[in-house]
C-alpha atoms as a PDB file:
ATOM      1  CA  UNK A   1      28.267   3.608  -8.242  1.00  0.00           C
ATOM      2  CA  UNK A   2      29.058   7.035  -6.981  1.00  0.00           C
ATOM      3  CA  UNK A   3      26.374   9.523  -8.012  1.00  0.00           C
ATOM      4  CA  UNK A   4      28.815  12.439  -8.213  1.00  0.00           C
ATOM      5  CA  UNK A   5      31.043  10.663 -10.689  1.00  0.00           C
ATOM      6  CA  UNK A   6      28.260   9.810 -13.147  1.00  0.00           C
ATOM      7  CA  UNK A   7      29.809  12.011 -15.827  1.00  0.00           C
ATOM      8  CA  UNK A   8      33.174  10.269 -15.539  1.00  0.00           C
ATOM      9  CA  UNK A   9      31.661   6.803 -16.066  1.00  0.00           C
ATOM     10  CA  UNK A  10      32.261   5.042 -19.346  1.00  0.00           C
ATOM     11  CA  UNK A  11      29.410   5.547 -21.817  1.00  0.00           C
ATOM     12  CA  UNK A  12      28.104   1.949 -21.477  1.00  0.00           C
ATOM     13  CA  UNK A  13      28.003   2.252 -17.660  1.00  0.00           C
ATOM     14  CA  UNK A  14      26.057   5.542 -17.832  1.00  0.00           C
ATOM     15  CA  UNK A  15      23.640   3.987 -20.313  1.00  0.00           C
ATOM     16  CA  UNK A  16      23.167   0.989 -18.008  1.00  0.00           C
ATOM     17  CA  UNK A  17      22.558   3.353 -15.046  1.00  0.00           C
ATOM     18  CA  UNK A  18      19.960   5.370 -16.991  1.00  0.00           C
ATOM     19  CA  UNK A  19      18.295   2.188 -18.260  1.00  0.00           C
ATOM     20  CA  UNK A  20      18.092   0.736 -14.749  1.00  0.00           C
ATOM     21  CA  UNK A  21      16.676   3.910 -13.205  1.00  0.00           C
ATOM     22  CA  UNK A  22      14.218   4.145 -16.110  1.00  0.00           C
ATOM     23  CA  UNK A  23      13.166   0.536 -15.559  1.00  0.00           C
ATOM     24  CA  UNK A  24      12.632   1.214 -11.833  1.00  0.00           C
ATOM     25  CA  UNK A  25      10.595   4.331 -12.720  1.00  0.00           C
ATOM     26  CA  UNK A  26       8.389   2.148 -14.921  1.00  0.00           C
ATOM     27  CA  UNK A  27       7.968  -0.342 -12.065  1.00  0.00           C
ATOM     28  CA  UNK A  28       7.026   2.549  -9.736  1.00  0.00           C
ATOM     29  CA  UNK A  29       4.397   3.670 -12.227  1.00  0.00           C
ATOM     30  CA  UNK A  30       2.983   0.150 -12.570  1.00  0.00           C
ATOM     31  CA  UNK A  31       2.840  -0.227  -8.786  1.00  0.00           C
ATOM     32  CA  UNK A  32       0.960   3.082  -8.639  1.00  0.00           C
ATOM     33  CA  UNK A  33      -1.532   1.780 -11.206  1.00  0.00           C
ATOM     34  CA  UNK A  34      -2.065  -1.429  -9.230  1.00  0.00           C
ATOM     35  CA  UNK A  35      -2.477   0.542  -5.990  1.00  0.00           C
ATOM     36  CA  UNK A  36      -5.377   2.403  -7.618  1.00  0.00           C
ATOM     37  CA  UNK A  37      -7.394  -0.720  -6.838  1.00  0.00           C
ATOM     38  CA  UNK A  38      -7.126   0.175  -3.135  1.00  0.00           C
ATOM     39  CA  UNK A  39      -9.986   2.573  -2.302  1.00  0.00           C
ATOM     40  CA  UNK A  40      -8.768   6.040  -1.266  1.00  0.00           C
ATOM     41  CA  UNK A  41      -9.186   7.270   2.297  1.00  0.00           C
ATOM     42  CA  UNK A  42     -11.635  10.184   2.503  1.00  0.00           C
ATOM     43  CA  UNK A  43     -11.493  10.343  -1.329  1.00  0.00           C
ATOM     44  CA  UNK A  44      -8.172  12.233  -1.276  1.00  0.00           C
ATOM     45  CA  UNK A  45      -5.567   9.958   0.321  1.00  0.00           C
ATOM     46  CA  UNK A  46      -4.285   7.220  -1.985  1.00  0.00           C
ATOM     47  CA  UNK A  47      -2.358   4.351  -0.450  1.00  0.00           C
ATOM     48  CA  UNK A  48       0.670   3.846  -2.684  1.00  0.00           C
ATOM     49  CA  UNK A  49       3.553   1.386  -2.395  1.00  0.00           C
ATOM     50  CA  UNK A  50       5.788   2.850  -5.118  1.00  0.00           C
ATOM     51  CA  UNK A  51       7.982   4.466  -2.460  1.00  0.00           C
ATOM     52  CA  UNK A  52       9.438   1.037  -1.646  1.00  0.00           C
ATOM     53  CA  UNK A  53      10.617   0.639  -5.251  1.00  0.00           C
ATOM     54  CA  UNK A  54      11.953   4.208  -5.278  1.00  0.00           C
ATOM     55  CA  UNK A  55      13.963   3.767  -2.084  1.00  0.00           C
ATOM     56  CA  UNK A  56      15.381   0.448  -3.299  1.00  0.00           C
ATOM     57  CA  UNK A  57      16.560   2.288  -6.423  1.00  0.00           C
ATOM     58  CA  UNK A  58      18.016   5.029  -4.237  1.00  0.00           C
ATOM     59  CA  UNK A  59      19.843   2.480  -2.075  1.00  0.00           C
ATOM     60  CA  UNK A  60      21.372   0.927  -5.201  1.00  0.00           C
ATOM     61  CA  UNK A  61      22.062   4.030  -7.314  1.00  0.00           C
ATOM     62  CA  UNK A  62      22.099   6.932  -4.828  1.00  0.00           C
ATOM     63  CA  UNK A  63      19.937   9.872  -3.761  1.00  0.00           C
ATOM     64  CA  UNK A  64      19.821  11.541  -7.197  1.00  0.00           C
ATOM     65  CA  UNK A  65      18.327   8.376  -8.680  1.00  0.00           C
ATOM     66  CA  UNK A  66      15.882   8.357  -5.752  1.00  0.00           C
ATOM     67  CA  UNK A  67      14.823  11.893  -6.569  1.00  0.00           C
ATOM     68  CA  UNK A  68      14.281  10.894 -10.211  1.00  0.00           C
ATOM     69  CA  UNK A  69      12.173   7.979  -8.979  1.00  0.00           C
ATOM     70  CA  UNK A  70      10.082  10.443  -6.977  1.00  0.00           C
ATOM     71  CA  UNK A  71       9.508  12.783  -9.925  1.00  0.00           C
ATOM     72  CA  UNK A  72       9.187  10.626 -13.067  1.00  0.00           C
ATOM     73  CA  UNK A  73       6.452   8.165 -11.964  1.00  0.00           C
ATOM     74  CA  UNK A  74       4.465  10.981 -10.337  1.00  0.00           C
ATOM     75  CA  UNK A  75       4.644  12.978 -13.564  1.00  0.00           C
ATOM     76  CA  UNK A  76       3.580   9.938 -15.609  1.00  0.00           C
ATOM     77  CA  UNK A  77       0.626   9.471 -13.270  1.00  0.00           C
ATOM     78  CA  UNK A  78      -0.233  13.172 -13.634  1.00  0.00           C
ATOM     79  CA  UNK A  79      -0.285  13.086 -17.453  1.00  0.00           C
ATOM     80  CA  UNK A  80      -2.052   9.727 -17.829  1.00  0.00           C
ATOM     81  CA  UNK A  81      -4.777   9.008 -15.314  1.00  0.00           C
ATOM     82  CA  UNK A  82      -4.606  11.199 -12.212  1.00  0.00           C
ATOM     83  CA  UNK A  83      -7.693  13.209 -11.361  1.00  0.00           C
ATOM     84  CA  UNK A  84      -5.916  15.326  -8.759  1.00  0.00           C
ATOM     85  CA  UNK A  85      -4.144  17.671 -11.175  1.00  0.00           C
ATOM     86  CA  UNK A  86      -1.051  19.705 -10.315  1.00  0.00           C
ATOM     87  CA  UNK A  87      -1.829  19.538  -6.588  1.00  0.00           C
ATOM     88  CA  UNK A  88      -1.734  15.734  -6.711  1.00  0.00           C
ATOM     89  CA  UNK A  89       1.532  15.861  -8.652  1.00  0.00           C
ATOM     90  CA  UNK A  90       3.077  18.191  -6.068  1.00  0.00           C
ATOM     91  CA  UNK A  91       1.900  16.057  -3.148  1.00  0.00           C
ATOM     92  CA  UNK A  92       3.076  12.806  -4.789  1.00  0.00           C
ATOM     93  CA  UNK A  93       6.550  14.180  -5.495  1.00  0.00           C
ATOM     94  CA  UNK A  94       6.865  15.674  -2.016  1.00  0.00           C
ATOM     95  CA  UNK A  95       5.687  12.497  -0.309  1.00  0.00           C
ATOM     96  CA  UNK A  96       7.992  10.168  -2.229  1.00  0.00           C
ATOM     97  CA  UNK A  97      10.996  12.492  -2.038  1.00  0.00           C
ATOM     98  CA  UNK A  98      10.485  12.982   1.709  1.00  0.00           C
ATOM     99  CA  UNK A  99      10.404   9.204   2.142  1.00  0.00           C
ATOM    100  CA  UNK A 100      13.270   8.302  -0.196  1.00  0.00           C
ATOM    101  CA  UNK A 101      15.907  10.972   0.391  1.00  0.00           C
ATOM    102  CA  UNK A 102      16.606  10.651   4.146  1.00  0.00           C
ATOM    103  CA  UNK A 103      17.074   6.871   3.916  1.00  0.00           C
ATOM    104  CA  UNK A 104      19.140   7.152   0.715  1.00  0.00           C
ATOM    105  CA  UNK A 105      21.433   9.829   2.139  1.00  0.00           C
ATOM    106  CA  UNK A 106      22.054   7.872   5.354  1.00  0.00           C
ATOM    107  CA  UNK A 107      22.558   4.598   3.457  1.00  0.00           C
ATOM    108  CA  UNK A 108      25.008   6.200   1.044  1.00  0.00           C
ATOM    109  CA  UNK A 109      27.261   7.070   4.015  1.00  0.00           C
ATOM    110  CA  UNK A 110      27.199   3.571   5.524  1.00  0.00           C
ATOM    111  CA  UNK A 111      25.819   0.666   3.527  1.00  0.00           C
ATOM    112  CA  UNK A 112      24.738  -1.632   6.349  1.00  0.00           C
ATOM    113  CA  UNK A 113      21.415  -3.243   7.219  1.00  0.00           C
ATOM    114  CA  UNK A 114      21.342  -1.266  10.465  1.00  0.00           C
ATOM    115  CA  UNK A 115      21.764   2.016   8.587  1.00  0.00           C
ATOM    116  CA  UNK A 116      19.031   1.002   6.131  1.00  0.00           C
ATOM    117  CA  UNK A 117      16.624   0.280   9.004  1.00  0.00           C
ATOM    118  CA  UNK A 118      17.483   3.523  10.820  1.00  0.00           C
ATOM    119  CA  UNK A 119      17.228   5.438   7.532  1.00  0.00           C
ATOM    120  CA  UNK A 120      13.805   3.971   6.820  1.00  0.00           C
ATOM    121  CA  UNK A 121      12.584   4.866  10.328  1.00  0.00           C
ATOM    122  CA  UNK A 122      13.835   8.422   9.836  1.00  0.00           C
ATOM    123  CA  UNK A 123      12.151   8.464   6.423  1.00  0.00           C
ATOM    124  CA  UNK A 124       8.781   7.383   7.847  1.00  0.00           C
ATOM    125  CA  UNK A 125       8.941  10.150  10.464  1.00  0.00           C
ATOM    126  CA  UNK A 126      10.207  12.790   8.011  1.00  0.00           C
ATOM    127  CA  UNK A 127       7.621  11.969   5.340  1.00  0.00           C
ATOM    128  CA  UNK A 128       4.853  12.065   7.941  1.00  0.00           C
ATOM    129  CA  UNK A 129       5.899  15.499   9.206  1.00  0.00           C
ATOM    130  CA  UNK A 130       6.365  16.881   5.674  1.00  0.00           C
ATOM    131  CA  UNK A 131       2.950  15.633   4.576  1.00  0.00           C
ATOM    132  CA  UNK A 132       1.231  17.018   7.685  1.00  0.00           C
ATOM    133  CA  UNK A 133       2.748  20.417   6.913  1.00  0.00           C
ATOM    134  CA  UNK A 134       1.836  20.303   3.212  1.00  0.00           C
ATOM    135  CA  UNK A 135      -1.674  19.042   3.907  1.00  0.00           C
ATOM    136  CA  UNK A 136      -2.072  21.977   6.296  1.00  0.00           C
ATOM    137  CA  UNK A 137      -0.897  24.355   3.542  1.00  0.00           C
ATOM    138  CA  UNK A 138      -2.500  22.872   0.406  1.00  0.00           C
ATOM    139  CA  UNK A 139      -5.577  20.872   1.391  1.00  0.00           C
ATOM    140  CA  UNK A 140      -7.873  23.778   2.387  1.00  0.00           C
ATOM    141  CA  UNK A 141      -7.630  25.240  -1.117  1.00  0.00           C
ATOM    142  CA  UNK A 142      -7.749  21.854  -2.814  1.00  0.00           C
ATOM    143  CA  UNK A 143     -10.806  20.646  -0.893  1.00  0.00           C
ATOM    144  CA  UNK A 144     -12.303  24.151  -0.768  1.00  0.00           C
ATOM    145  CA  UNK A 145     -12.839  23.969   2.991  1.00  0.00           C
ATOM    146  CA  UNK A 146     -11.783  26.286   5.836  1.00  0.00           C
ATOM    147  CA  UNK A 147      -8.324  25.625   7.280  1.00  0.00           C
ATOM    148  CA  UNK A 148      -9.809  24.698  10.681  1.00  0.00           C
ATOM    149  CA  UNK A 149     -11.570  21.744   9.006  1.00  0.00           C
ATOM    150  CA  UNK A 150      -8.212  20.502   7.723  1.00  0.00           C
ATOM    151  CA  UNK A 151      -6.574  21.148  11.109  1.00  0.00           C
ATOM    152  CA  UNK A 152      -9.235  18.965  12.716  1.00  0.00           C
ATOM    153  CA  UNK A 153      -8.275  16.169  10.278  1.00  0.00           C
ATOM    154  CA  UNK A 154      -4.492  16.335  10.739  1.00  0.00           C
ATOM    155  CA  UNK A 155      -4.178  14.064  13.796  1.00  0.00           C
ATOM    156  CA  UNK A 156      -7.092  11.647  13.345  1.00  0.00           C
ATOM    157  CA  UNK A 157      -6.725  11.213   9.548  1.00  0.00           C
ATOM    158  CA  UNK A 158      -3.502  12.495   7.963  1.00  0.00           C
ATOM    159  CA  UNK A 159      -1.125  11.421  10.755  1.00  0.00           C
ATOM    160  CA  UNK A 160      -2.125   7.731  10.945  1.00  0.00           C
ATOM    161  CA  UNK A 161      -2.512   7.494   7.156  1.00  0.00           C
ATOM    162  CA  UNK A 162       1.023   8.757   6.510  1.00  0.00           C
ATOM    163  CA  UNK A 163       2.517   6.645   9.317  1.00  0.00           C
ATOM    164  CA  UNK A 164       0.804   3.529   7.923  1.00  0.00           C
ATOM    165  CA  UNK A 165       1.838   4.306   4.346  1.00  0.00           C
ATOM    166  CA  UNK A 166       5.428   4.974   5.410  1.00  0.00           C
ATOM    167  CA  UNK A 167       5.611   1.854   7.573  1.00  0.00           C
ATOM    168  CA  UNK A 168       4.199  -0.333   4.767  1.00  0.00           C
ATOM    169  CA  UNK A 169       6.762   1.042   2.306  1.00  0.00           C
ATOM    170  CA  UNK A 170       9.604   0.594   4.823  1.00  0.00           C
ATOM    171  CA  UNK A 171       8.678  -3.038   5.537  1.00  0.00           C
ATOM    172  CA  UNK A 172       8.265  -3.775   1.833  1.00  0.00           C
ATOM    173  CA  UNK A 173      11.698  -2.240   1.171  1.00  0.00           C
ATOM    174  CA  UNK A 174      13.328  -4.461   3.783  1.00  0.00           C
ATOM    175  CA  UNK A 175      11.632  -7.551   2.323  1.00  0.00           C
ATOM    176  CA  UNK A 176      12.388  -6.803  -1.341  1.00  0.00           C
ATOM    177  CA  UNK A 177      15.820  -5.124  -1.269  1.00  0.00           C
ATOM    178  CA  UNK A 178      18.035  -8.228  -1.272  1.00  0.00           C
ATOM    179  CA  UNK A 179      16.109 -10.148  -3.973  1.00  0.00           C
ATOM    180  CA  UNK A 180      15.893  -7.054  -6.220  1.00  0.00           C
ATOM    181  CA  UNK A 181      19.531  -6.003  -5.859  1.00  0.00           C
ATOM    182  CA  UNK A 182      20.636  -9.635  -6.264  1.00  0.00           C
ATOM    183  CA  UNK A 183      18.678 -10.001  -9.503  1.00  0.00           C
ATOM    184  CA  UNK A 184      20.012  -6.695 -10.844  1.00  0.00           C
ATOM    185  CA  UNK A 185      23.588  -7.666  -9.951  1.00  0.00           C
ATOM    186  CA  UNK A 186      23.259 -11.066 -11.634  1.00  0.00           C
ATOM    187  CA  UNK A 187      21.985  -9.267 -14.752  1.00  0.00           C
ATOM    188  CA  UNK A 188      24.965  -6.905 -14.595  1.00  0.00           C
ATOM    189  CA  UNK A 189      22.701  -3.887 -14.058  1.00  0.00           C
ATOM    190  CA  UNK A 190      23.690  -2.942 -10.499  1.00  0.00           C
ATOM    191  CA  UNK A 191      27.084  -2.398  -8.917  1.00  0.00           C
ATOM    192  CA  UNK A 192      28.578  -5.256  -6.902  1.00  0.00           C
END
């Protein structure tokens, strides 16, 4: 399905698209809940695997759907159980969007396994850089510590954490994409 032509789709196709993206958003939220069982790193870094679900949705339905899958589950987390407030919401949306969008944009141009792998590698690197920058900007105020304390944590803590999180989501995406898209296609919920 072409994202730009969503308004020209027949009503039943648009409804199916919205239902599918909504279902994937719910799965992202559930994955986030399950990942809460993993203890956070330094009490502020939560290991989350919802990005794999979001990028699978973006591969199937396009970058706009991927952006929705970055925003909606993060907002649901914010209003239900998150203890990190608006800063956590901002960081969750930025992290997922930075992971999902590069891969989705590249994959939309050329839907091959090679492009998916390259896109996911670019996404891991991009998300890591974006989160280093935003941790540099936001974390001193959030943790109420001097900026030099956060700077001293960027390479030994934030860099490996974000690389590991991105790599785990990329591998999970590669493992789950075919079974998920196959199931959605058999149910008539994803384009052939």
